[in-house]
Amino acid sequence: MGSVLGFPGADPADAAIGARLRRWRDQRGVDLEAMAQALHIPPEELRLIEAGRAHLDSVQLGVATRHLHLPVWALVSDTRAY
């Protein structure tokens, strides 16, 4: 993705995962700092992830879904995997 004025471009897949992460985190009542701590990243990086401007790797996806008590598909798709 390109950038504008030095800001990184948002990848549509990362933006979708970030939006789902924020939605589930809010629904589960998990605050941003607690989620960042579980992922071993600073809260600022989690804000970037939720905005679609940073990427969650597969290990972080697993940690996030376990912390939120979700199946992995809940962050990567809006359609149930089963």
PDB file of N, CA and C in Angstrom:
ATOM      1  N   MET A   1       0.836  -1.180   0.000  1.00  0.00           N
ATOM      2  CA  MET A   1       0.000   0.000   0.000  1.00  0.00           C
ATOM      3  C   MET A   1       0.883   1.246   0.000  1.00  0.00           C
ATOM      4  N   GLY A   2       0.393   2.279  -0.597  1.00  0.00           N
ATOM      5  CA  GLY A   2       1.127   3.537  -0.635  1.00  0.00           C
ATOM      6  C   GLY A   2       0.929   4.330   0.638  1.00  0.00           C
ATOM      7  N   SER A   3       1.589   5.468   0.682  1.00  0.00           N
ATOM      8  CA  SER A   3       1.435   6.315   1.853  1.00  0.00           C
ATOM      9  C   SER A   3       1.194   7.751   1.406  1.00  0.00           C
ATOM     10  N   VAL A   4       0.591   8.508   2.274  1.00  0.00           N
ATOM     11  CA  VAL A   4       0.323   9.918   2.027  1.00  0.00           C
ATOM     12  C   VAL A   4       0.959  10.715   3.152  1.00  0.00           C
ATOM     13  N   LEU A   5       1.821  11.658   2.797  1.00  0.00           N
ATOM     14  CA  LEU A   5       2.479  12.524   3.780  1.00  0.00           C
ATOM     15  C   LEU A   5       3.185  11.743   4.886  1.00  0.00           C
ATOM     16  N   GLY A   6       3.760  10.604   4.531  1.00  0.00           N
ATOM     17  CA  GLY A   6       4.511   9.829   5.502  1.00  0.00           C
ATOM     18  C   GLY A   6       3.682   8.893   6.364  1.00  0.00           C
ATOM     19  N   PHE A   7       2.340   8.919   6.224  1.00  0.00           N
ATOM     20  CA  PHE A   7       1.503   8.000   6.986  1.00  0.00           C
ATOM     21  C   PHE A   7       1.389   6.703   6.203  1.00  0.00           C
ATOM     22  N   PRO A   8       1.528   5.555   6.878  1.00  0.00           N
ATOM     23  CA  PRO A   8       1.431   4.293   6.139  1.00  0.00           C
ATOM     24  C   PRO A   8       0.012   4.079   5.631  1.00  0.00           C
ATOM     25  N   GLY A   9      -0.088   3.452   4.477  1.00  0.00           N
ATOM     26  CA  GLY A   9      -1.394   3.114   3.930  1.00  0.00           C
ATOM     27  C   GLY A   9      -2.001   1.952   4.693  1.00  0.00           C
ATOM     28  N   ALA A  10      -3.307   1.868   4.675  1.00  0.00           N
ATOM     29  CA  ALA A  10      -4.007   0.788   5.375  1.00  0.00           C
ATOM     30  C   ALA A  10      -4.287  -0.349   4.408  1.00  0.00           C
ATOM     31  N   ASP A  11      -3.908  -1.551   4.773  1.00  0.00           N
ATOM     32  CA  ASP A  11      -4.243  -2.747   4.010  1.00  0.00           C
ATOM     33  C   ASP A  11      -5.693  -3.103   4.349  1.00  0.00           C
ATOM     34  N   PRO A  12      -6.548  -3.344   3.351  1.00  0.00           N
ATOM     35  CA  PRO A  12      -7.956  -3.647   3.638  1.00  0.00           C
ATOM     36  C   PRO A  12      -8.147  -4.854   4.568  1.00  0.00           C
ATOM     37  N   ALA A  13      -7.310  -5.883   4.418  1.00  0.00           N
ATOM     38  CA  ALA A  13      -7.428  -7.057   5.293  1.00  0.00           C
ATOM     39  C   ALA A  13      -7.063  -6.688   6.730  1.00  0.00           C
ATOM     40  N   ASP A  14      -5.986  -5.924   6.903  1.00  0.00           N
ATOM     41  CA  ASP A  14      -5.589  -5.495   8.249  1.00  0.00           C
ATOM     42  C   ASP A  14      -6.649  -4.589   8.862  1.00  0.00           C
ATOM     43  N   ALA A  15      -7.247  -3.723   8.032  1.00  0.00           N
ATOM     44  CA  ALA A  15      -8.301  -2.827   8.528  1.00  0.00           C
ATOM     45  C   ALA A  15      -9.508  -3.630   9.005  1.00  0.00           C
ATOM     46  N   ALA A  16      -9.870  -4.673   8.270  1.00  0.00           N
ATOM     47  CA  ALA A  16     -11.014  -5.498   8.658  1.00  0.00           C
ATOM     48  C   ALA A  16     -10.732  -6.252   9.954  1.00  0.00           C
ATOM     49  N   ILE A  17      -9.538  -6.828  10.071  1.00  0.00           N
ATOM     50  CA  ILE A  17      -9.173  -7.550  11.299  1.00  0.00           C
ATOM     51  C   ILE A  17      -9.108  -6.586  12.475  1.00  0.00           C
ATOM     52  N   GLY A  18      -8.528  -5.419  12.271  1.00  0.00           N
ATOM     53  CA  GLY A  18      -8.450  -4.424  13.340  1.00  0.00           C
ATOM     54  C   GLY A  18      -9.824  -3.985  13.816  1.00  0.00           C
ATOM     55  N   ALA A  19     -10.733  -3.770  12.879  1.00  0.00           N
ATOM     56  CA  ALA A  19     -12.097  -3.368  13.245  1.00  0.00           C
ATOM     57  C   ALA A  19     -12.803  -4.473  14.018  1.00  0.00           C
ATOM     58  N   ARG A  20     -12.618  -5.722  13.574  1.00  0.00           N
ATOM     59  CA  ARG A  20     -13.222  -6.844  14.312  1.00  0.00           C
ATOM     60  C   ARG A  20     -12.629  -6.962  15.708  1.00  0.00           C
ATOM     61  N   LEU A  21     -11.310  -6.789  15.822  1.00  0.00           N
ATOM     62  CA  LEU A  21     -10.657  -6.859  17.128  1.00  0.00           C
ATOM     63  C   LEU A  21     -11.235  -5.806  18.061  1.00  0.00           C
ATOM     64  N   ARG A  22     -11.358  -4.595  17.577  1.00  0.00           N
ATOM     65  CA  ARG A  22     -11.903  -3.533  18.429  1.00  0.00           C
ATOM     66  C   ARG A  22     -13.355  -3.823  18.820  1.00  0.00           C
ATOM     67  N   ARG A  23     -14.151  -4.269  17.837  1.00  0.00           N
ATOM     68  CA  ARG A  23     -15.554  -4.577  18.124  1.00  0.00           C
ATOM     69  C   ARG A  23     -15.681  -5.670  19.190  1.00  0.00           C
ATOM     70  N   TRP A  24     -14.936  -6.767  19.027  1.00  0.00           N
ATOM     71  CA  TRP A  24     -14.991  -7.854  20.001  1.00  0.00           C
ATOM     72  C   TRP A  24     -14.433  -7.421  21.352  1.00  0.00           C
ATOM     73  N   ARG A  25     -13.362  -6.647  21.327  1.00  0.00           N
ATOM     74  CA  ARG A  25     -12.776  -6.171  22.590  1.00  0.00           C
ATOM     75  C   ARG A  25     -13.783  -5.320  23.351  1.00  0.00           C
ATOM     76  N   ASP A  26     -14.460  -4.425  22.631  1.00  0.00           N
ATOM     77  CA  ASP A  26     -15.494  -3.588  23.266  1.00  0.00           C
ATOM     78  C   ASP A  26     -16.651  -4.437  23.785  1.00  0.00           C
ATOM     79  N   GLN A  27     -17.108  -5.406  22.984  1.00  0.00           N
ATOM     80  CA  GLN A  27     -18.226  -6.264  23.397  1.00  0.00           C
ATOM     81  C   GLN A  27     -17.875  -7.108  24.619  1.00  0.00           C
ATOM     82  N   ARG A  28     -16.626  -7.518  24.711  1.00  0.00           N
ATOM     83  CA  ARG A  28     -16.187  -8.344  25.845  1.00  0.00           C
ATOM     84  C   ARG A  28     -15.776  -7.513  27.055  1.00  0.00           C
ATOM     85  N   GLY A  29     -15.733  -6.191  26.898  1.00  0.00           N
ATOM     86  CA  GLY A  29     -15.366  -5.327  28.022  1.00  0.00           C
ATOM     87  C   GLY A  29     -13.894  -5.352  28.372  1.00  0.00           C
ATOM     88  N   VAL A  30     -13.043  -5.644  27.386  1.00  0.00           N
ATOM     89  CA  VAL A  30     -11.601  -5.684  27.604  1.00  0.00           C
ATOM     90  C   VAL A  30     -11.034  -4.325  27.195  1.00  0.00           C
ATOM     91  N   ASP A  31     -10.373  -3.654  28.126  1.00  0.00           N
ATOM     92  CA  ASP A  31      -9.843  -2.326  27.771  1.00  0.00           C
ATOM     93  C   ASP A  31      -8.577  -2.467  26.934  1.00  0.00           C
ATOM     94  N   LEU A  32      -8.249  -1.390  26.264  1.00  0.00           N
ATOM     95  CA  LEU A  32      -7.141  -1.369  25.328  1.00  0.00           C
ATOM     96  C   LEU A  32      -5.826  -1.740  26.004  1.00  0.00           C
ATOM     97  N   GLU A  33      -5.587  -1.237  27.186  1.00  0.00           N
ATOM     98  CA  GLU A  33      -4.325  -1.515  27.878  1.00  0.00           C
ATOM     99  C   GLU A  33      -4.193  -2.999  28.217  1.00  0.00           C
ATOM    100  N   ALA A  34      -5.282  -3.624  28.661  1.00  0.00           N
ATOM    101  CA  ALA A  34      -5.230  -5.046  29.000  1.00  0.00           C
ATOM    102  C   ALA A  34      -4.967  -5.897  27.761  1.00  0.00           C
ATOM    103  N   MET A  35      -5.589  -5.534  26.645  1.00  0.00           N
ATOM    104  CA  MET A  35      -5.373  -6.279  25.404  1.00  0.00           C
ATOM    105  C   MET A  35      -3.945  -6.095  24.925  1.00  0.00           C
ATOM    106  N   ALA A  36      -3.432  -4.879  24.994  1.00  0.00           N
ATOM    107  CA  ALA A  36      -2.048  -4.616  24.593  1.00  0.00           C
ATOM    108  C   ALA A  36      -1.080  -5.408  25.466  1.00  0.00           C
ATOM    109  N   GLN A  37      -1.357  -5.465  26.755  1.00  0.00           N
ATOM    110  CA  GLN A  37      -0.491  -6.212  27.665  1.00  0.00           C
ATOM    111  C   GLN A  37      -0.507  -7.699  27.313  1.00  0.00           C
ATOM    112  N   ALA A  38      -1.679  -8.234  27.002  1.00  0.00           N
ATOM    113  CA  ALA A  38      -1.774  -9.646  26.625  1.00  0.00           C
ATOM    114  C   ALA A  38      -0.982  -9.936  25.349  1.00  0.00           C
ATOM    115  N   LEU A  39      -0.957  -8.966  24.428  1.00  0.00           N
ATOM    116  CA  LEU A  39      -0.230  -9.128  23.170  1.00  0.00           C
ATOM    117  C   LEU A  39       1.252  -8.767  23.289  1.00  0.00           C
ATOM    118  N   HIS A  40       1.665  -8.246  24.450  1.00  0.00           N
ATOM    119  CA  HIS A  40       3.052  -7.816  24.690  1.00  0.00           C
ATOM    120  C   HIS A  40       3.472  -6.723  23.704  1.00  0.00           C
ATOM    121  N   ILE A  41       2.559  -5.759  23.502  1.00  0.00           N
ATOM    122  CA  ILE A  41       2.850  -4.611  22.644  1.00  0.00           C
ATOM    123  C   ILE A  41       2.396  -3.348  23.373  1.00  0.00           C
ATOM    124  N   PRO A  42       2.924  -2.197  23.003  1.00  0.00           N
ATOM    125  CA  PRO A  42       2.466  -0.950  23.624  1.00  0.00           C
ATOM    126  C   PRO A  42       1.037  -0.611  23.163  1.00  0.00           C
ATOM    127  N   PRO A  43       0.264   0.070  23.999  1.00  0.00           N
ATOM    128  CA  PRO A  43      -1.098   0.457  23.615  1.00  0.00           C
ATOM    129  C   PRO A  43      -1.147   1.235  22.295  1.00  0.00           C
ATOM    130  N   GLU A  44      -0.123   2.034  22.016  1.00  0.00           N
ATOM    131  CA  GLU A  44      -0.096   2.805  20.771  1.00  0.00           C
ATOM    132  C   GLU A  44      -0.090   1.884  19.554  1.00  0.00           C
ATOM    133  N   GLU A  45       0.628   0.768  19.658  1.00  0.00           N
ATOM    134  CA  GLU A  45       0.661  -0.178  18.540  1.00  0.00           C
ATOM    135  C   GLU A  45      -0.695  -0.848  18.367  1.00  0.00           C
ATOM    136  N   LEU A  46      -1.375  -1.152  19.472  1.00  0.00           N
ATOM    137  CA  LEU A  46      -2.710  -1.742  19.371  1.00  0.00           C
ATOM    138  C   LEU A  46      -3.676  -0.761  18.714  1.00  0.00           C
ATOM    139  N   ARG A  47      -3.545   0.515  19.011  1.00  0.00           N
ATOM    140  CA  ARG A  47      -4.386   1.523  18.347  1.00  0.00           C
ATOM    141  C   ARG A  47      -4.149   1.504  16.833  1.00  0.00           C
ATOM    142  N   LEU A  48      -2.897   1.365  16.425  1.00  0.00           N
ATOM    143  CA  LEU A  48      -2.576   1.287  15.001  1.00  0.00           C
ATOM    144  C   LEU A  48      -3.170   0.020  14.372  1.00  0.00           C
ATOM    145  N   ILE A  49      -3.095  -1.085  15.086  1.00  0.00           N
ATOM    146  CA  ILE A  49      -3.661  -2.345  14.598  1.00  0.00           C
ATOM    147  C   ILE A  49      -5.162  -2.200  14.408  1.00  0.00           C
ATOM    148  N   GLU A  50      -5.840  -1.650  15.410  1.00  0.00           N
ATOM    149  CA  GLU A  50      -7.282  -1.498  15.323  1.00  0.00           C
ATOM    150  C   GLU A  50      -7.696  -0.504  14.236  1.00  0.00           C
ATOM    151  N   ALA A  51      -6.805   0.403  13.885  1.00  0.00           N
ATOM    152  CA  ALA A  51      -7.071   1.360  12.803  1.00  0.00           C
ATOM    153  C   ALA A  51      -6.695   0.793  11.440  1.00  0.00           C
ATOM    154  N   GLY A  52      -6.137  -0.413  11.409  1.00  0.00           N
ATOM    155  CA  GLY A  52      -5.740  -1.027  10.153  1.00  0.00           C
ATOM    156  C   GLY A  52      -4.412  -0.547   9.632  1.00  0.00           C
ATOM    157  N   ARG A  53      -3.635   0.122  10.454  1.00  0.00           N
ATOM    158  CA  ARG A  53      -2.351   0.682  10.031  1.00  0.00           C
ATOM    159  C   ARG A  53      -1.157  -0.164  10.481  1.00  0.00           C
ATOM    160  N   ALA A  54      -1.435  -1.266  11.163  1.00  0.00           N
ATOM    161  CA  ALA A  54      -0.384  -2.207  11.564  1.00  0.00           C
ATOM    162  C   ALA A  54      -0.971  -3.608  11.460  1.00  0.00           C
ATOM    163  N   HIS A  55      -0.107  -4.587  11.455  1.00  0.00           N
ATOM    164  CA  HIS A  55      -0.473  -5.969  11.156  1.00  0.00           C
ATOM    165  C   HIS A  55      -0.354  -6.849  12.407  1.00  0.00           C
ATOM    166  N   LEU A  56      -1.349  -7.708  12.618  1.00  0.00           N
ATOM    167  CA  LEU A  56      -1.246  -8.750  13.638  1.00  0.00           C
ATOM    168  C   LEU A  56      -0.653  -9.987  12.974  1.00  0.00           C
ATOM    169  N   ASP A  57       0.380 -10.561  13.563  1.00  0.00           N
ATOM    170  CA  ASP A  57       0.893 -11.813  13.011  1.00  0.00           C
ATOM    171  C   ASP A  57       0.049 -12.976  13.549  1.00  0.00           C
ATOM    172  N   SER A  58       0.330 -14.175  13.086  1.00  0.00           N
ATOM    173  CA  SER A  58      -0.499 -15.331  13.446  1.00  0.00           C
ATOM    174  C   SER A  58      -0.444 -15.636  14.942  1.00  0.00           C
ATOM    175  N   VAL A  59       0.702 -15.446  15.561  1.00  0.00           N
ATOM    176  CA  VAL A  59       0.810 -15.682  17.011  1.00  0.00           C
ATOM    177  C   VAL A  59      -0.053 -14.671  17.765  1.00  0.00           C
ATOM    178  N   GLN A  60       0.007 -13.399  17.358  1.00  0.00           N
ATOM    179  CA  GLN A  60      -0.801 -12.368  18.007  1.00  0.00           C
ATOM    180  C   GLN A  60      -2.290 -12.615  17.793  1.00  0.00           C
ATOM    181  N   LEU A  61      -2.685 -13.102  16.616  1.00  0.00           N
ATOM    182  CA  LEU A  61      -4.089 -13.458  16.385  1.00  0.00           C
ATOM    183  C   LEU A  61      -4.532 -14.529  17.381  1.00  0.00           C
ATOM    184  N   GLY A  62      -3.687 -15.533  17.566  1.00  0.00           N
ATOM    185  CA  GLY A  62      -4.005 -16.598  18.515  1.00  0.00           C
ATOM    186  C   GLY A  62      -4.127 -16.086  19.939  1.00  0.00           C
ATOM    187  N   VAL A  63      -3.209 -15.221  20.337  1.00  0.00           N
ATOM    188  CA  VAL A  63      -3.249 -14.647  21.687  1.00  0.00           C
ATOM    189  C   VAL A  63      -4.517 -13.811  21.865  1.00  0.00           C
ATOM    190  N   ALA A  64      -4.836 -12.982  20.875  1.00  0.00           N
ATOM    191  CA  ALA A  64      -6.019 -12.125  20.970  1.00  0.00           C
ATOM    192  C   ALA A  64      -7.294 -12.941  21.075  1.00  0.00           C
ATOM    193  N   THR A  65      -7.415 -13.981  20.260  1.00  0.00           N
ATOM    194  CA  THR A  65      -8.641 -14.783  20.311  1.00  0.00           C
ATOM    195  C   THR A  65      -8.746 -15.550  21.629  1.00  0.00           C
ATOM    196  N   ARG A  66      -7.633 -16.054  22.137  1.00  0.00           N
ATOM    197  CA  ARG A  66      -7.687 -16.735  23.446  1.00  0.00           C
ATOM    198  C   ARG A  66      -8.053 -15.752  24.548  1.00  0.00           C
ATOM    199  N   HIS A  67      -7.482 -14.562  24.507  1.00  0.00           N
ATOM    200  CA  HIS A  67      -7.752 -13.556  25.544  1.00  0.00           C
ATOM    201  C   HIS A  67      -9.218 -13.119  25.520  1.00  0.00           C
ATOM    202  N   LEU A  68      -9.804 -13.078  24.329  1.00  0.00           N
ATOM    203  CA  LEU A  68     -11.205 -12.673  24.193  1.00  0.00           C
ATOM    204  C   LEU A  68     -12.175 -13.855  24.213  1.00  0.00           C
ATOM    205  N   HIS A  69     -11.633 -15.081  24.366  1.00  0.00           N
ATOM    206  CA  HIS A  69     -12.446 -16.309  24.383  1.00  0.00           C
ATOM    207  C   HIS A  69     -13.251 -16.440  23.092  1.00  0.00           C
ATOM    208  N   LEU A  70     -12.541 -16.358  21.962  1.00  0.00           N
ATOM    209  CA  LEU A  70     -13.143 -16.426  20.645  1.00  0.00           C
ATOM    210  C   LEU A  70     -12.448 -17.488  19.804  1.00  0.00           C
ATOM    211  N   PRO A  71     -13.155 -18.034  18.804  1.00  0.00           N
ATOM    212  CA  PRO A  71     -12.467 -18.850  17.805  1.00  0.00           C
ATOM    213  C   PRO A  71     -11.707 -17.918  16.865  1.00  0.00           C
ATOM    214  N   VAL A  72     -10.660 -18.411  16.214  1.00  0.00           N
ATOM    215  CA  VAL A  72      -9.842 -17.580  15.342  1.00  0.00           C
ATOM    216  C   VAL A  72     -10.668 -16.950  14.229  1.00  0.00           C
ATOM    217  N   TRP A  73     -11.648 -17.682  13.694  1.00  0.00           N
ATOM    218  CA  TRP A  73     -12.426 -17.130  12.576  1.00  0.00           C
ATOM    219  C   TRP A  73     -13.105 -15.813  12.933  1.00  0.00           C
ATOM    220  N   ALA A  74     -13.354 -15.559  14.215  1.00  0.00           N
ATOM    221  CA  ALA A  74     -14.060 -14.336  14.626  1.00  0.00           C
ATOM    222  C   ALA A  74     -13.267 -13.072  14.290  1.00  0.00           C
ATOM    223  N   LEU A  75     -11.960 -13.171  14.187  1.00  0.00           N
ATOM    224  CA  LEU A  75     -11.156 -12.002  13.828  1.00  0.00           C
ATOM    225  C   LEU A  75     -10.818 -11.941  12.346  1.00  0.00           C
ATOM    226  N   VAL A  76     -10.844 -13.075  11.663  1.00  0.00           N
ATOM    227  CA  VAL A  76     -10.445 -13.074  10.257  1.00  0.00           C
ATOM    228  C   VAL A  76     -11.618 -13.090   9.293  1.00  0.00           C
ATOM    229  N   SER A  77     -12.837 -13.269   9.804  1.00  0.00           N
ATOM    230  CA  SER A  77     -13.996 -13.331   8.914  1.00  0.00           C
ATOM    231  C   SER A  77     -15.266 -12.945   9.684  1.00  0.00           C
ATOM    232  N   ASP A  78     -16.241 -12.432   8.956  1.00  0.00           N
ATOM    233  CA  ASP A  78     -17.542 -12.182   9.565  1.00  0.00           C
ATOM    234  C   ASP A  78     -18.479 -13.370   9.397  1.00  0.00           C
ATOM    235  N   THR A  79     -17.977 -14.428   8.739  1.00  0.00           N
ATOM    236  CA  THR A  79     -18.755 -15.640   8.504  1.00  0.00           C
ATOM    237  C   THR A  79     -18.211 -16.757   9.376  1.00  0.00           C
ATOM    238  N   ARG A  80     -19.109 -17.468  10.025  1.00  0.00           N
ATOM    239  CA  ARG A  80     -18.682 -18.595  10.861  1.00  0.00           C
ATOM    240  C   ARG A  80     -17.924 -19.636  10.039  1.00  0.00           C
ATOM    241  N   ALA A  81     -16.954 -20.258  10.662  1.00  0.00           N
ATOM    242  CA  ALA A  81     -16.131 -21.257   9.981  1.00  0.00           C
ATOM    243  C   ALA A  81     -16.781 -22.622   9.989  1.00  0.00           C
ATOM    244  N   TYR A  82     -17.878 -22.796  10.698  1.00  0.00           N
ATOM    245  CA  TYR A  82     -18.541 -24.106  10.743  1.00  0.00           C
ATOM    246  C   TYR A  82     -20.015 -23.950  10.557  1.00  0.00           C
TER     247      TYR A  82
END
